[in-house]
N, C-alpha and C. Protein backbone atom coordinates (compact mmCIF):
# COMPACT_ATOMS: atom_id res chain seq x y z
N MET A 1 -47.49 -0.88 66.65
CA MET A 1 -48.44 -1.43 65.55
C MET A 1 -49.41 -0.48 64.97
N ASN A 2 -49.49 -0.52 63.81
CA ASN A 2 -50.41 0.45 63.13
C ASN A 2 -51.64 0.05 63.35
N LYS A 3 -52.50 1.16 63.44
CA LYS A 3 -54.16 0.75 63.53
C LYS A 3 -54.67 0.54 62.20
N PRO A 4 -55.75 -0.17 62.19
CA PRO A 4 -56.29 -0.47 60.80
C PRO A 4 -56.91 0.85 60.17
N ILE A 5 -56.91 0.80 58.94
CA ILE A 5 -57.67 1.87 58.03
C ILE A 5 -59.08 1.58 58.14
N ASP A 6 -59.77 2.96 58.35
CA ASP A 6 -61.22 2.85 58.38
C ASP A 6 -61.69 2.81 56.92
N LEU A 7 -62.48 2.08 56.53
CA LEU A 7 -62.93 2.04 55.13
C LEU A 7 -64.48 2.27 55.14
N TYR A 8 -64.94 3.37 54.51
CA TYR A 8 -66.25 3.63 54.42
C TYR A 8 -66.86 3.27 52.98
N TYR A 9 -67.81 2.32 53.04
CA TYR A 9 -67.87 1.39 51.80
C TYR A 9 -69.43 1.00 51.63
N TRP A 10 -69.70 0.74 50.41
CA TRP A 10 -70.86 -0.09 50.04
C TRP A 10 -70.53 -0.89 48.81
N PRO A 11 -70.94 -2.00 48.52
CA PRO A 11 -70.66 -2.94 47.55
C PRO A 11 -71.08 -2.55 46.18
N THR A 12 -70.38 -1.63 45.53
CA THR A 12 -70.54 -1.13 44.24
C THR A 12 -69.30 -1.25 43.42
N PRO A 13 -69.23 -1.12 42.18
CA PRO A 13 -67.95 -1.14 41.31
C PRO A 13 -66.84 -0.17 41.90
N ASN A 14 -67.33 1.05 42.41
CA ASN A 14 -66.38 1.89 42.85
C ASN A 14 -65.89 1.37 44.26
N GLY A 15 -66.86 0.89 44.99
CA GLY A 15 -66.65 0.43 46.34
C GLY A 15 -65.54 -0.63 46.28
N TRP A 16 -65.80 -1.65 45.50
CA TRP A 16 -65.04 -2.93 45.26
C TRP A 16 -63.35 -2.57 45.25
N LYS A 17 -63.26 -1.38 44.70
CA LYS A 17 -61.74 -1.13 44.42
C LYS A 17 -61.01 -1.17 45.51
N ILE A 18 -61.33 -0.51 46.75
CA ILE A 18 -60.67 -0.36 47.81
C ILE A 18 -60.37 -1.61 48.66
N PRO A 19 -61.40 -2.52 49.13
CA PRO A 19 -61.10 -3.64 49.85
C PRO A 19 -60.25 -4.65 49.00
N ILE A 20 -60.36 -4.61 47.72
CA ILE A 20 -59.49 -5.44 46.89
C ILE A 20 -58.00 -4.97 46.97
N ALA A 21 -57.87 -3.61 46.85
CA ALA A 21 -56.50 -3.11 47.04
C ALA A 21 -55.93 -3.28 48.40
N LEU A 22 -56.66 -3.07 49.43
CA LEU A 22 -56.20 -3.41 50.82
C LEU A 22 -55.90 -4.92 51.04
N GLU A 23 -56.77 -5.74 50.40
CA GLU A 23 -56.33 -7.17 50.55
C GLU A 23 -55.07 -7.62 49.73
N GLU A 24 -54.93 -6.94 48.57
CA GLU A 24 -53.69 -7.07 47.68
C GLU A 24 -52.50 -6.63 48.47
N LEU A 25 -52.56 -5.47 49.18
CA LEU A 25 -51.42 -4.87 49.73
C LEU A 25 -51.15 -5.40 51.24
N GLY A 26 -52.18 -6.25 51.80
CA GLY A 26 -51.88 -6.89 53.03
C GLY A 26 -52.14 -5.80 54.38
N LEU A 27 -53.00 -4.87 53.82
CA LEU A 27 -53.26 -3.89 55.08
C LEU A 27 -54.47 -4.06 55.74
N ASP A 28 -54.44 -3.97 56.97
CA ASP A 28 -55.46 -4.20 57.98
C ASP A 28 -56.55 -2.96 57.70
N TYR A 29 -57.90 -3.34 57.81
CA TYR A 29 -58.90 -2.31 57.69
C TYR A 29 -60.17 -2.79 58.55
N THR A 30 -61.05 -1.79 58.79
CA THR A 30 -62.11 -1.92 59.46
C THR A 30 -63.14 -1.33 58.50
N VAL A 31 -64.22 -2.08 58.28
CA VAL A 31 -65.26 -1.67 57.28
C VAL A 31 -66.48 -0.93 58.04
N HIS A 32 -66.98 0.14 57.63
CA HIS A 32 -67.93 0.95 58.05
C HIS A 32 -68.99 0.99 56.76
N MET A 33 -69.95 0.27 56.82
CA MET A 33 -71.02 0.24 55.90
C MET A 33 -71.83 1.55 55.70
N ILE A 34 -71.74 1.93 54.52
CA ILE A 34 -72.59 3.35 54.16
C ILE A 34 -73.64 2.79 53.19
N ASP A 35 -74.77 2.69 53.76
CA ASP A 35 -76.11 2.24 52.93
C ASP A 35 -76.40 3.44 52.15
N ILE A 36 -76.15 3.35 50.79
CA ILE A 36 -76.45 4.51 49.83
C ILE A 36 -77.90 4.51 49.62
N GLY A 37 -78.44 3.34 49.61
CA GLY A 37 -80.07 3.27 49.44
C GLY A 37 -80.76 4.03 50.53
N LYS A 38 -80.23 4.11 51.68
CA LYS A 38 -80.84 4.60 52.77
C LYS A 38 -80.34 6.09 52.96
N GLY A 39 -79.40 6.52 52.14
CA GLY A 39 -79.09 7.97 52.34
C GLY A 39 -77.70 8.34 53.43
N ASP A 40 -77.27 7.20 53.83
CA ASP A 40 -76.03 7.29 54.77
C ASP A 40 -74.91 8.25 54.32
N GLN A 41 -74.87 8.28 52.90
CA GLN A 41 -73.86 9.07 52.38
C GLN A 41 -73.96 10.53 52.62
N PHE A 42 -75.13 11.05 53.02
CA PHE A 42 -75.41 12.43 53.32
C PHE A 42 -75.34 12.79 54.73
N THR A 43 -75.15 11.87 55.56
CA THR A 43 -74.87 12.30 57.20
C THR A 43 -73.80 13.18 57.17
N PRO A 44 -73.82 14.16 58.18
CA PRO A 44 -72.72 15.04 58.60
C PRO A 44 -71.49 14.18 58.90
N GLU A 45 -71.72 13.21 59.65
CA GLU A 45 -70.46 12.28 59.86
C GLU A 45 -69.78 11.76 58.46
N PHE A 46 -70.40 11.29 57.57
CA PHE A 46 -69.76 10.88 56.35
C PHE A 46 -69.34 11.97 55.66
N LEU A 47 -70.04 13.02 55.45
CA LEU A 47 -69.61 14.19 54.59
C LEU A 47 -68.33 14.87 55.20
N ALA A 48 -68.14 14.66 56.48
CA ALA A 48 -66.90 15.08 57.03
C ALA A 48 -65.62 14.33 56.41
N VAL A 49 -65.98 13.14 56.09
CA VAL A 49 -64.80 12.18 55.56
C VAL A 49 -64.81 12.38 54.03
N SER A 50 -66.03 12.38 53.32
CA SER A 50 -66.19 12.49 51.85
C SER A 50 -67.17 13.62 51.54
N PRO A 51 -66.54 14.76 51.42
CA PRO A 51 -67.27 15.95 51.28
C PRO A 51 -68.28 15.96 50.00
N ASN A 52 -67.92 14.97 49.04
CA ASN A 52 -68.82 14.79 47.78
C ASN A 52 -69.90 13.86 48.19
N GLY A 53 -70.06 13.30 49.20
CA GLY A 53 -71.12 12.44 49.48
C GLY A 53 -71.04 11.10 48.67
N LYS A 54 -69.97 10.58 48.31
CA LYS A 54 -69.81 9.44 47.57
C LYS A 54 -68.92 8.35 48.22
N ILE A 55 -69.33 7.14 48.19
CA ILE A 55 -68.29 6.02 48.52
C ILE A 55 -67.52 5.67 47.35
N PRO A 56 -66.24 4.98 47.64
CA PRO A 56 -65.61 4.77 48.92
C PRO A 56 -64.82 6.06 49.54
N ALA A 57 -64.55 5.93 50.81
CA ALA A 57 -63.57 6.85 51.52
C ALA A 57 -62.87 6.09 52.53
N ILE A 58 -61.64 6.63 52.97
CA ILE A 58 -60.85 6.00 54.00
C ILE A 58 -60.49 7.00 54.90
N VAL A 59 -60.11 6.66 56.12
CA VAL A 59 -59.39 7.39 57.12
C VAL A 59 -58.20 6.45 57.44
N ASP A 60 -57.06 6.98 57.26
CA ASP A 60 -55.85 6.19 57.70
C ASP A 60 -55.23 6.86 58.94
N PRO A 61 -55.17 6.26 60.04
CA PRO A 61 -54.76 6.73 61.32
C PRO A 61 -53.29 7.00 61.14
N ASP A 62 -52.54 6.25 60.30
CA ASP A 62 -51.10 6.38 60.20
C ASP A 62 -50.84 6.99 58.80
N GLY A 63 -51.32 8.32 58.76
CA GLY A 63 -51.02 8.92 57.49
C GLY A 63 -49.72 9.69 57.39
N PRO A 64 -49.52 10.54 56.42
CA PRO A 64 -48.20 11.23 56.28
C PRO A 64 -47.88 11.89 57.48
N ASP A 65 -46.43 11.70 57.91
CA ASP A 65 -45.92 12.09 59.23
C ASP A 65 -46.41 11.51 60.40
N GLY A 66 -47.21 10.26 60.20
CA GLY A 66 -47.71 9.65 61.25
C GLY A 66 -49.14 10.16 61.83
N GLU A 67 -49.58 11.30 61.15
CA GLU A 67 -50.91 11.92 61.42
C GLU A 67 -52.02 11.32 60.71
N PRO A 68 -53.22 11.26 61.31
CA PRO A 68 -54.41 10.74 60.41
C PRO A 68 -54.76 11.51 59.11
N ILE A 69 -55.22 10.80 58.16
CA ILE A 69 -55.62 11.43 57.02
C ILE A 69 -56.90 10.92 56.48
N SER A 70 -57.78 11.70 56.02
CA SER A 70 -59.12 11.19 55.43
C SER A 70 -58.98 11.44 53.85
N ILE A 71 -59.31 10.52 53.03
CA ILE A 71 -59.29 10.52 51.46
C ILE A 71 -60.68 10.12 50.88
N PHE A 72 -61.04 10.81 50.03
CA PHE A 72 -62.27 10.39 49.26
C PHE A 72 -61.88 10.38 47.73
N GLU A 73 -62.75 9.81 46.84
CA GLU A 73 -62.50 9.48 45.52
C GLU A 73 -61.60 8.30 45.19
N SER A 74 -62.09 7.21 44.75
CA SER A 74 -61.48 5.97 44.70
C SER A 74 -60.08 5.97 43.95
N GLY A 75 -59.95 6.84 42.83
CA GLY A 75 -58.64 6.94 42.29
C GLY A 75 -57.50 7.40 43.17
N ALA A 76 -57.98 8.46 43.99
CA ALA A 76 -56.98 9.10 44.78
C ALA A 76 -56.70 8.16 46.04
N ILE A 77 -57.59 7.39 46.39
CA ILE A 77 -57.37 6.48 47.42
C ILE A 77 -56.31 5.30 46.96
N LEU A 78 -56.57 4.79 45.85
CA LEU A 78 -55.78 3.71 45.15
C LEU A 78 -54.31 4.37 44.96
N GLN A 79 -54.17 5.43 44.47
CA GLN A 79 -52.90 6.21 44.35
C GLN A 79 -52.06 6.41 45.69
N TYR A 80 -52.91 6.74 46.76
CA TYR A 80 -52.34 6.88 48.07
C TYR A 80 -51.80 5.59 48.69
N LEU A 81 -52.64 4.54 48.53
CA LEU A 81 -52.41 3.17 49.16
C LEU A 81 -51.05 2.62 48.18
N ALA A 82 -51.04 2.85 46.84
CA ALA A 82 -49.80 2.37 46.20
C ALA A 82 -48.58 3.13 46.66
N ARG A 83 -48.51 4.61 47.03
CA ARG A 83 -47.37 5.25 47.41
C ARG A 83 -47.01 4.88 48.83
N LYS A 84 -48.15 4.66 49.69
CA LYS A 84 -47.85 4.32 50.96
C LYS A 84 -46.93 3.00 51.29
N THR A 85 -47.34 2.03 50.37
CA THR A 85 -46.78 0.84 50.42
C THR A 85 -45.58 0.56 49.41
N GLY A 86 -45.65 1.30 48.35
CA GLY A 86 -44.59 1.09 47.24
C GLY A 86 -44.90 -0.06 46.55
N LYS A 87 -46.30 -0.55 46.46
CA LYS A 87 -46.63 -1.59 45.65
C LYS A 87 -47.83 -1.11 44.82
N LEU A 88 -47.97 -1.91 43.61
CA LEU A 88 -49.16 -1.70 42.60
C LEU A 88 -49.28 -0.52 41.92
N GLY A 89 -48.31 0.43 42.01
CA GLY A 89 -48.34 1.68 41.41
C GLY A 89 -47.31 1.82 40.36
N GLY A 90 -46.60 0.82 39.97
CA GLY A 90 -45.46 0.92 38.94
C GLY A 90 -44.22 0.89 39.58
N ASN A 91 -43.16 0.09 38.74
CA ASN A 91 -41.96 -0.13 39.46
C ASN A 91 -40.87 0.82 38.80
N SER A 92 -41.20 1.73 38.04
CA SER A 92 -40.41 2.64 37.43
C SER A 92 -41.07 3.89 37.18
N GLU A 93 -40.53 5.11 36.87
CA GLU A 93 -41.29 6.30 36.60
C GLU A 93 -42.14 6.08 35.32
N ARG A 94 -41.42 5.53 34.26
CA ARG A 94 -42.20 5.14 33.04
C ARG A 94 -43.33 4.21 33.34
N ASN A 95 -43.13 3.32 34.14
CA ASN A 95 -44.33 2.51 34.45
C ASN A 95 -45.37 3.01 35.32
N ARG A 96 -44.89 3.87 36.28
CA ARG A 96 -45.83 4.77 37.07
C ARG A 96 -46.75 5.49 36.16
N ILE A 97 -46.16 6.21 35.31
CA ILE A 97 -47.03 6.95 34.29
C ILE A 97 -47.89 6.17 33.60
N GLU A 98 -47.57 4.97 33.02
CA GLU A 98 -48.53 4.01 32.46
C GLU A 98 -49.73 3.67 33.39
N VAL A 99 -49.35 3.08 34.51
CA VAL A 99 -50.47 2.93 35.43
C VAL A 99 -51.42 4.07 35.78
N ASP A 100 -50.82 5.41 35.93
CA ASP A 100 -51.54 6.38 36.23
C ASP A 100 -52.50 6.80 34.80
N GLN A 101 -52.01 6.66 33.77
CA GLN A 101 -52.93 7.10 32.69
C GLN A 101 -54.19 6.01 32.52
N TRP A 102 -53.86 4.98 32.79
CA TRP A 102 -54.95 3.85 32.65
C TRP A 102 -55.91 4.05 33.93
N LEU A 103 -55.27 4.41 34.95
CA LEU A 103 -56.21 4.55 36.34
C LEU A 103 -56.99 5.80 35.80
N PHE A 104 -56.71 6.83 35.35
CA PHE A 104 -57.42 7.87 34.93
C PHE A 104 -58.47 7.69 33.77
N TRP A 105 -58.03 6.84 32.89
CA TRP A 105 -58.88 6.37 31.84
C TRP A 105 -60.12 5.53 32.47
N GLN A 106 -59.96 4.87 33.46
CA GLN A 106 -61.12 4.30 34.14
C GLN A 106 -61.90 5.41 34.88
N VAL A 107 -61.30 6.13 35.67
CA VAL A 107 -61.98 7.01 36.57
C VAL A 107 -62.80 8.17 35.60
N GLY A 108 -62.25 8.44 34.51
CA GLY A 108 -62.87 9.42 33.82
C GLY A 108 -63.63 9.03 32.53
N GLY A 109 -63.53 7.61 32.33
CA GLY A 109 -64.27 6.97 31.06
C GLY A 109 -65.16 5.85 31.38
N VAL A 110 -64.47 4.75 31.84
CA VAL A 110 -65.09 3.51 32.03
C VAL A 110 -66.16 3.71 33.07
N GLY A 111 -65.75 4.14 34.29
CA GLY A 111 -66.81 4.36 35.44
C GLY A 111 -67.98 5.22 34.99
N PRO A 112 -67.79 6.36 34.59
CA PRO A 112 -69.09 7.34 34.31
C PRO A 112 -69.94 6.81 33.03
N MET A 113 -69.25 6.17 32.18
CA MET A 113 -69.96 5.86 31.03
C MET A 113 -70.58 4.30 31.21
N ALA A 114 -70.18 3.45 32.03
CA ALA A 114 -70.69 2.28 32.53
C ALA A 114 -71.81 2.61 33.45
N GLY A 115 -71.60 3.49 34.29
CA GLY A 115 -72.62 3.96 35.25
C GLY A 115 -73.87 4.55 34.56
N GLN A 116 -73.70 5.18 33.48
CA GLN A 116 -74.90 5.88 32.78
C GLN A 116 -75.48 4.68 31.91
N ALA A 117 -74.61 3.74 31.43
CA ALA A 117 -75.29 2.63 30.84
C ALA A 117 -76.19 1.70 31.77
N HIS A 118 -75.68 1.59 32.85
CA HIS A 118 -76.41 0.72 33.90
C HIS A 118 -77.91 1.55 34.18
N HIS A 119 -77.61 2.86 34.27
CA HIS A 119 -79.03 3.65 34.69
C HIS A 119 -80.08 3.49 33.54
N PHE A 120 -79.60 3.83 32.28
CA PHE A 120 -80.55 3.80 31.18
C PHE A 120 -81.08 2.41 30.76
N LEU A 121 -80.16 1.45 30.98
CA LEU A 121 -80.58 0.00 30.44
C LEU A 121 -81.14 -0.61 31.53
N VAL A 122 -80.93 -0.46 32.81
CA VAL A 122 -81.50 -1.29 33.93
C VAL A 122 -82.39 -0.68 34.79
N TYR A 123 -82.01 0.64 35.25
CA TYR A 123 -82.81 1.22 36.21
C TYR A 123 -84.01 2.08 35.70
N ALA A 124 -83.73 2.99 34.74
CA ALA A 124 -84.65 3.98 34.28
C ALA A 124 -86.13 3.12 33.67
N PRO A 125 -85.71 2.01 32.97
CA PRO A 125 -87.03 1.30 32.56
C PRO A 125 -87.85 0.85 33.60
N ASP A 126 -87.30 0.58 34.74
CA ASP A 126 -88.23 0.15 35.80
C ASP A 126 -88.73 1.22 36.71
N MET A 127 -88.56 2.33 36.34
CA MET A 127 -89.12 3.54 37.25
C MET A 127 -90.75 3.55 37.17
N ASP A 128 -91.22 4.29 37.95
CA ASP A 128 -92.58 4.61 37.94
C ASP A 128 -92.99 5.97 37.79
N PRO A 129 -93.22 6.42 36.59
CA PRO A 129 -93.30 5.76 35.45
C PRO A 129 -92.15 5.36 34.69
N PRO A 130 -92.11 4.38 33.82
CA PRO A 130 -90.94 4.03 33.07
C PRO A 130 -90.29 5.04 32.33
N HIS A 131 -88.94 5.07 32.34
CA HIS A 131 -88.29 5.98 31.35
C HIS A 131 -87.37 5.12 30.49
N ASP A 132 -87.79 4.77 29.34
CA ASP A 132 -87.27 3.97 28.28
C ASP A 132 -86.71 4.74 27.27
N ILE A 133 -85.48 5.20 27.07
CA ILE A 133 -84.89 6.11 26.29
C ILE A 133 -83.99 5.61 25.21
N PRO A 134 -84.44 5.14 24.11
CA PRO A 134 -83.56 4.41 23.19
C PRO A 134 -82.30 5.13 22.92
N TYR A 135 -82.40 6.43 22.68
CA TYR A 135 -81.12 7.14 22.34
C TYR A 135 -79.97 7.16 23.44
N ALA A 136 -80.42 7.26 24.86
CA ALA A 136 -79.60 7.13 25.95
C ALA A 136 -78.96 5.66 25.98
N LYS A 137 -79.79 4.77 25.87
CA LYS A 137 -79.33 3.35 25.97
C LYS A 137 -78.31 3.14 24.83
N GLU A 138 -78.58 3.56 23.50
CA GLU A 138 -77.46 3.31 22.48
C GLU A 138 -76.41 4.11 22.79
N ARG A 139 -76.43 5.39 23.13
CA ARG A 139 -75.32 6.13 23.37
C ARG A 139 -74.34 5.75 24.28
N TYR A 140 -74.79 5.16 25.47
CA TYR A 140 -73.84 4.76 26.66
C TYR A 140 -73.37 3.42 26.32
N SER A 141 -74.27 2.49 25.84
CA SER A 141 -73.73 1.21 25.61
C SER A 141 -72.65 1.08 24.59
N LYS A 142 -72.87 1.88 23.57
CA LYS A 142 -71.91 2.06 22.51
C LYS A 142 -70.61 2.68 22.81
N GLU A 143 -70.69 3.66 23.76
CA GLU A 143 -69.51 4.23 24.22
C GLU A 143 -68.78 3.23 25.16
N VAL A 144 -69.47 2.54 26.02
CA VAL A 144 -68.80 1.43 26.74
C VAL A 144 -68.12 0.31 25.90
N SER A 145 -68.82 -0.02 24.82
CA SER A 145 -68.19 -1.03 24.07
C SER A 145 -66.84 -0.49 23.46
N ARG A 146 -66.93 0.81 23.05
CA ARG A 146 -65.71 1.40 22.47
C ARG A 146 -64.58 1.45 23.32
N LEU A 147 -64.94 1.71 24.55
CA LEU A 147 -63.87 1.80 25.75
C LEU A 147 -63.33 0.30 25.92
N TYR A 148 -64.17 -0.72 25.93
CA TYR A 148 -63.68 -2.02 26.00
C TYR A 148 -62.88 -2.56 24.88
N GLY A 149 -63.11 -1.87 23.72
CA GLY A 149 -62.31 -2.16 22.43
C GLY A 149 -60.92 -1.53 22.74
N VAL A 150 -60.82 -0.45 23.27
CA VAL A 150 -59.56 0.10 23.41
C VAL A 150 -58.77 -0.72 24.60
N LEU A 151 -59.46 -1.28 25.62
CA LEU A 151 -58.88 -2.02 26.76
C LEU A 151 -58.44 -3.30 25.93
N ASP A 152 -59.22 -3.98 24.98
CA ASP A 152 -58.95 -5.18 24.41
C ASP A 152 -57.47 -5.04 23.62
N LYS A 153 -57.43 -3.96 22.91
CA LYS A 153 -56.26 -3.81 22.23
C LYS A 153 -55.03 -3.66 23.18
N GLN A 154 -55.20 -2.94 24.22
CA GLN A 154 -54.11 -2.67 25.36
C GLN A 154 -53.72 -4.16 25.90
N LEU A 155 -54.71 -5.03 26.02
CA LEU A 155 -54.36 -6.37 26.72
C LEU A 155 -53.94 -7.46 25.58
N GLU A 156 -53.71 -6.96 24.50
CA GLU A 156 -53.13 -7.97 23.36
C GLU A 156 -51.79 -8.41 23.85
N GLY A 157 -51.48 -9.59 24.12
CA GLY A 157 -50.16 -10.00 24.46
C GLY A 157 -49.68 -9.66 25.90
N ARG A 158 -50.43 -9.32 26.69
CA ARG A 158 -50.14 -9.06 28.13
C ARG A 158 -51.19 -9.41 29.16
N ASP A 159 -50.75 -9.69 30.15
CA ASP A 159 -51.81 -10.29 31.30
C ASP A 159 -52.44 -9.19 32.03
N PHE A 160 -52.00 -8.00 32.21
CA PHE A 160 -52.56 -6.96 32.78
C PHE A 160 -52.31 -5.66 32.23
N ILE A 161 -53.05 -4.79 32.57
CA ILE A 161 -53.27 -3.46 31.72
C ILE A 161 -52.05 -2.72 31.45
N ALA A 162 -51.20 -2.61 32.46
CA ALA A 162 -49.88 -1.74 32.41
C ALA A 162 -48.70 -2.72 32.78
N GLY A 163 -48.76 -3.94 32.35
CA GLY A 163 -47.60 -4.84 32.55
C GLY A 163 -47.89 -5.58 33.74
N ASP A 164 -47.41 -5.36 34.89
CA ASP A 164 -47.68 -6.22 36.10
C ASP A 164 -48.94 -5.76 36.64
N PHE A 165 -49.52 -6.65 37.47
CA PHE A 165 -50.84 -6.24 38.12
C PHE A 165 -50.72 -5.01 38.92
N SER A 166 -51.82 -4.02 38.84
CA SER A 166 -51.66 -2.80 39.36
C SER A 166 -52.93 -2.28 39.86
N ILE A 167 -52.88 -0.96 40.38
CA ILE A 167 -54.07 -0.25 40.67
C ILE A 167 -55.05 -0.01 39.48
N ALA A 168 -54.34 0.05 38.41
CA ALA A 168 -55.18 0.28 37.12
C ALA A 168 -56.13 -0.95 36.85
N ASP A 169 -55.58 -2.21 37.20
CA ASP A 169 -56.47 -3.31 37.03
C ASP A 169 -57.64 -3.36 38.11
N ILE A 170 -57.18 -3.06 39.29
CA ILE A 170 -58.09 -3.15 40.35
C ILE A 170 -59.28 -1.93 39.93
N ALA A 171 -58.82 -0.81 39.64
CA ALA A 171 -59.90 0.23 39.32
C ALA A 171 -60.89 -0.06 38.26
N THR A 172 -60.40 -0.99 37.25
CA THR A 172 -61.16 -1.28 36.17
C THR A 172 -62.17 -2.47 36.15
N TRP A 173 -61.55 -3.36 36.82
CA TRP A 173 -62.09 -4.87 36.89
C TRP A 173 -63.50 -4.92 37.34
N GLY A 174 -63.81 -4.29 38.49
CA GLY A 174 -65.15 -4.41 38.82
C GLY A 174 -66.25 -3.86 37.87
N TRP A 175 -65.97 -2.68 37.32
CA TRP A 175 -66.95 -2.22 36.37
C TRP A 175 -67.14 -3.25 35.20
N VAL A 176 -66.08 -3.72 34.69
CA VAL A 176 -66.01 -4.50 33.43
C VAL A 176 -66.69 -5.90 33.73
N THR A 177 -66.61 -6.28 34.86
CA THR A 177 -67.36 -7.60 35.28
C THR A 177 -68.86 -7.57 34.90
N LEU A 178 -69.42 -6.20 35.03
CA LEU A 178 -70.83 -5.99 34.77
C LEU A 178 -71.15 -5.79 33.35
N TRP A 179 -70.35 -6.28 32.55
CA TRP A 179 -70.51 -5.91 30.96
C TRP A 179 -71.87 -6.34 30.44
N LYS A 180 -72.55 -7.39 31.03
CA LYS A 180 -73.93 -7.74 30.39
C LYS A 180 -74.92 -6.62 30.64
N ARG A 181 -74.87 -5.95 31.84
CA ARG A 181 -75.80 -4.93 32.17
C ARG A 181 -75.50 -3.67 31.25
N GLN A 182 -74.37 -3.57 30.79
CA GLN A 182 -73.90 -2.36 29.99
C GLN A 182 -74.12 -2.61 28.51
N GLY A 183 -74.71 -3.70 28.06
CA GLY A 183 -75.13 -3.89 26.59
C GLY A 183 -73.80 -4.16 25.84
N HIS A 184 -72.82 -4.83 26.43
CA HIS A 184 -71.59 -5.04 25.69
C HIS A 184 -71.62 -6.49 25.15
N ASP A 185 -71.14 -6.69 23.95
CA ASP A 185 -70.96 -8.08 23.41
C ASP A 185 -69.48 -8.54 23.69
N MET A 186 -69.27 -9.34 24.78
CA MET A 186 -67.99 -9.77 25.16
C MET A 186 -67.26 -10.66 24.05
N SER A 187 -67.95 -11.08 23.21
CA SER A 187 -67.36 -12.15 22.22
C SER A 187 -66.43 -11.23 21.36
N LYS A 188 -66.66 -9.98 21.20
CA LYS A 188 -65.80 -9.04 20.36
C LYS A 188 -64.67 -8.61 21.05
N THR A 189 -64.50 -8.77 22.51
CA THR A 189 -63.10 -8.48 23.10
C THR A 189 -62.57 -9.60 23.91
N PRO A 190 -62.03 -10.55 23.14
CA PRO A 190 -61.52 -11.84 23.94
C PRO A 190 -60.60 -11.61 24.91
N ASN A 191 -59.65 -10.65 24.71
CA ASN A 191 -58.55 -10.47 25.60
C ASN A 191 -59.18 -9.82 26.94
N VAL A 192 -60.19 -9.03 26.77
CA VAL A 192 -60.75 -8.47 27.98
C VAL A 192 -61.50 -9.60 28.75
N ALA A 193 -62.12 -10.56 28.10
CA ALA A 193 -62.76 -11.72 28.77
C ALA A 193 -61.75 -12.52 29.47
N ALA A 194 -60.54 -12.67 28.90
CA ALA A 194 -59.53 -13.63 29.58
C ALA A 194 -59.01 -12.85 30.79
N TRP A 195 -59.00 -11.46 30.65
CA TRP A 195 -58.33 -10.68 31.68
C TRP A 195 -59.34 -10.59 32.82
N ILE A 196 -60.65 -10.41 32.70
CA ILE A 196 -61.60 -10.64 33.76
C ILE A 196 -61.54 -11.87 34.61
N LYS A 197 -61.42 -12.97 33.83
CA LYS A 197 -61.18 -14.26 34.50
C LYS A 197 -59.79 -14.34 35.24
N ARG A 198 -58.74 -13.91 34.63
CA ARG A 198 -57.43 -13.80 35.30
C ARG A 198 -57.44 -13.11 36.61
N VAL A 199 -58.01 -11.85 36.68
CA VAL A 199 -58.04 -11.05 37.76
C VAL A 199 -58.98 -11.70 38.79
N GLY A 200 -59.99 -12.16 38.33
CA GLY A 200 -61.13 -12.70 39.23
C GLY A 200 -60.65 -13.85 39.93
N GLU A 201 -59.61 -14.46 39.65
CA GLU A 201 -59.17 -15.86 40.36
C GLU A 201 -58.10 -15.34 41.37
N ARG A 202 -57.63 -14.04 41.43
CA ARG A 202 -56.65 -13.82 42.42
C ARG A 202 -57.42 -13.80 43.80
N PRO A 203 -56.75 -14.57 44.83
CA PRO A 203 -57.25 -14.69 46.29
C PRO A 203 -57.78 -13.44 46.67
N ALA A 204 -56.87 -12.34 46.66
CA ALA A 204 -57.24 -10.86 47.33
C ALA A 204 -58.44 -10.34 46.60
N VAL A 205 -58.48 -10.65 45.28
CA VAL A 205 -59.67 -10.03 44.74
C VAL A 205 -60.98 -10.66 44.95
N ILE A 206 -60.95 -12.05 45.16
CA ILE A 206 -62.00 -12.73 45.57
C ILE A 206 -62.51 -12.38 47.01
N LYS A 207 -61.46 -12.18 47.84
CA LYS A 207 -61.99 -11.77 49.26
C LYS A 207 -62.48 -10.26 49.41
N GLY A 208 -61.79 -9.34 48.60
CA GLY A 208 -62.19 -8.10 48.49
C GLY A 208 -63.49 -7.76 48.02
N ARG A 209 -63.85 -8.60 46.85
CA ARG A 209 -65.21 -8.57 46.13
C ARG A 209 -66.08 -8.89 47.15
N ALA A 210 -65.78 -9.94 48.03
CA ALA A 210 -66.96 -10.49 48.86
C ALA A 210 -67.34 -9.55 49.87
N VAL A 211 -66.54 -8.57 50.28
CA VAL A 211 -67.00 -7.69 51.21
C VAL A 211 -68.35 -7.02 51.14
N GLY A 212 -69.23 -7.39 52.15
CA GLY A 212 -70.58 -6.71 52.06
C GLY A 212 -71.44 -7.26 50.73
N SER A 213 -70.95 -8.46 50.44
CA SER A 213 -71.71 -8.95 49.26
C SER A 213 -73.23 -9.33 49.56
N ASP A 214 -73.44 -9.56 50.80
CA ASP A 214 -74.88 -9.97 51.18
C ASP A 214 -75.75 -8.68 51.29
N LYS A 215 -75.06 -7.55 51.19
CA LYS A 215 -76.11 -6.17 51.09
C LYS A 215 -76.36 -5.81 49.63
N ARG A 216 -75.68 -6.49 48.83
CA ARG A 216 -75.83 -6.08 47.30
C ARG A 216 -77.13 -6.87 46.71
N LYS A 217 -78.02 -6.01 46.11
CA LYS A 217 -79.18 -6.56 45.53
C LYS A 217 -78.95 -6.99 44.06
């Protein structure tokens, strides 16, 4: 019997991706909470697993050739889990390419841009002293809305980003659910609004999103 995967985690949009994927794939896992507010991500123990000092990360005791493997970066973890199980990564080479390109679209675009929007719209104005920077707020909220326009067009006539439900949906969903904090007008992207609801009703998504929810402020 395979040992559970060790998940190093905090309930953030990047963090949510991995318990959701593990629930969708039916893989056992043990959660190790990494309190990023207290600096747990900078301990030598965690840096041995995630050299960049960011969550999420995993250690799979049953890695390639049966040997343990540690993996950091949410996109890399999702790709690994999809390959390990043969699920959620595309059912043909053409479909795998589509899933991968939208996964990288999230990792390289939606995540960083939405994260900056959160910072300048929500956190920076509450600093002491406050940092209310109109240019930064407009720059990042505008780019987030542009990206959601791209997603809205992709979702026209389809339920999920790359055809069937995949790691591309898992990667993107958590960030997009926080659209209000990013200054986006969801009425302009109705396909995205319907997709948020559709994905959010999946039992594994509900269960994965709930992991550590009591820790989230």
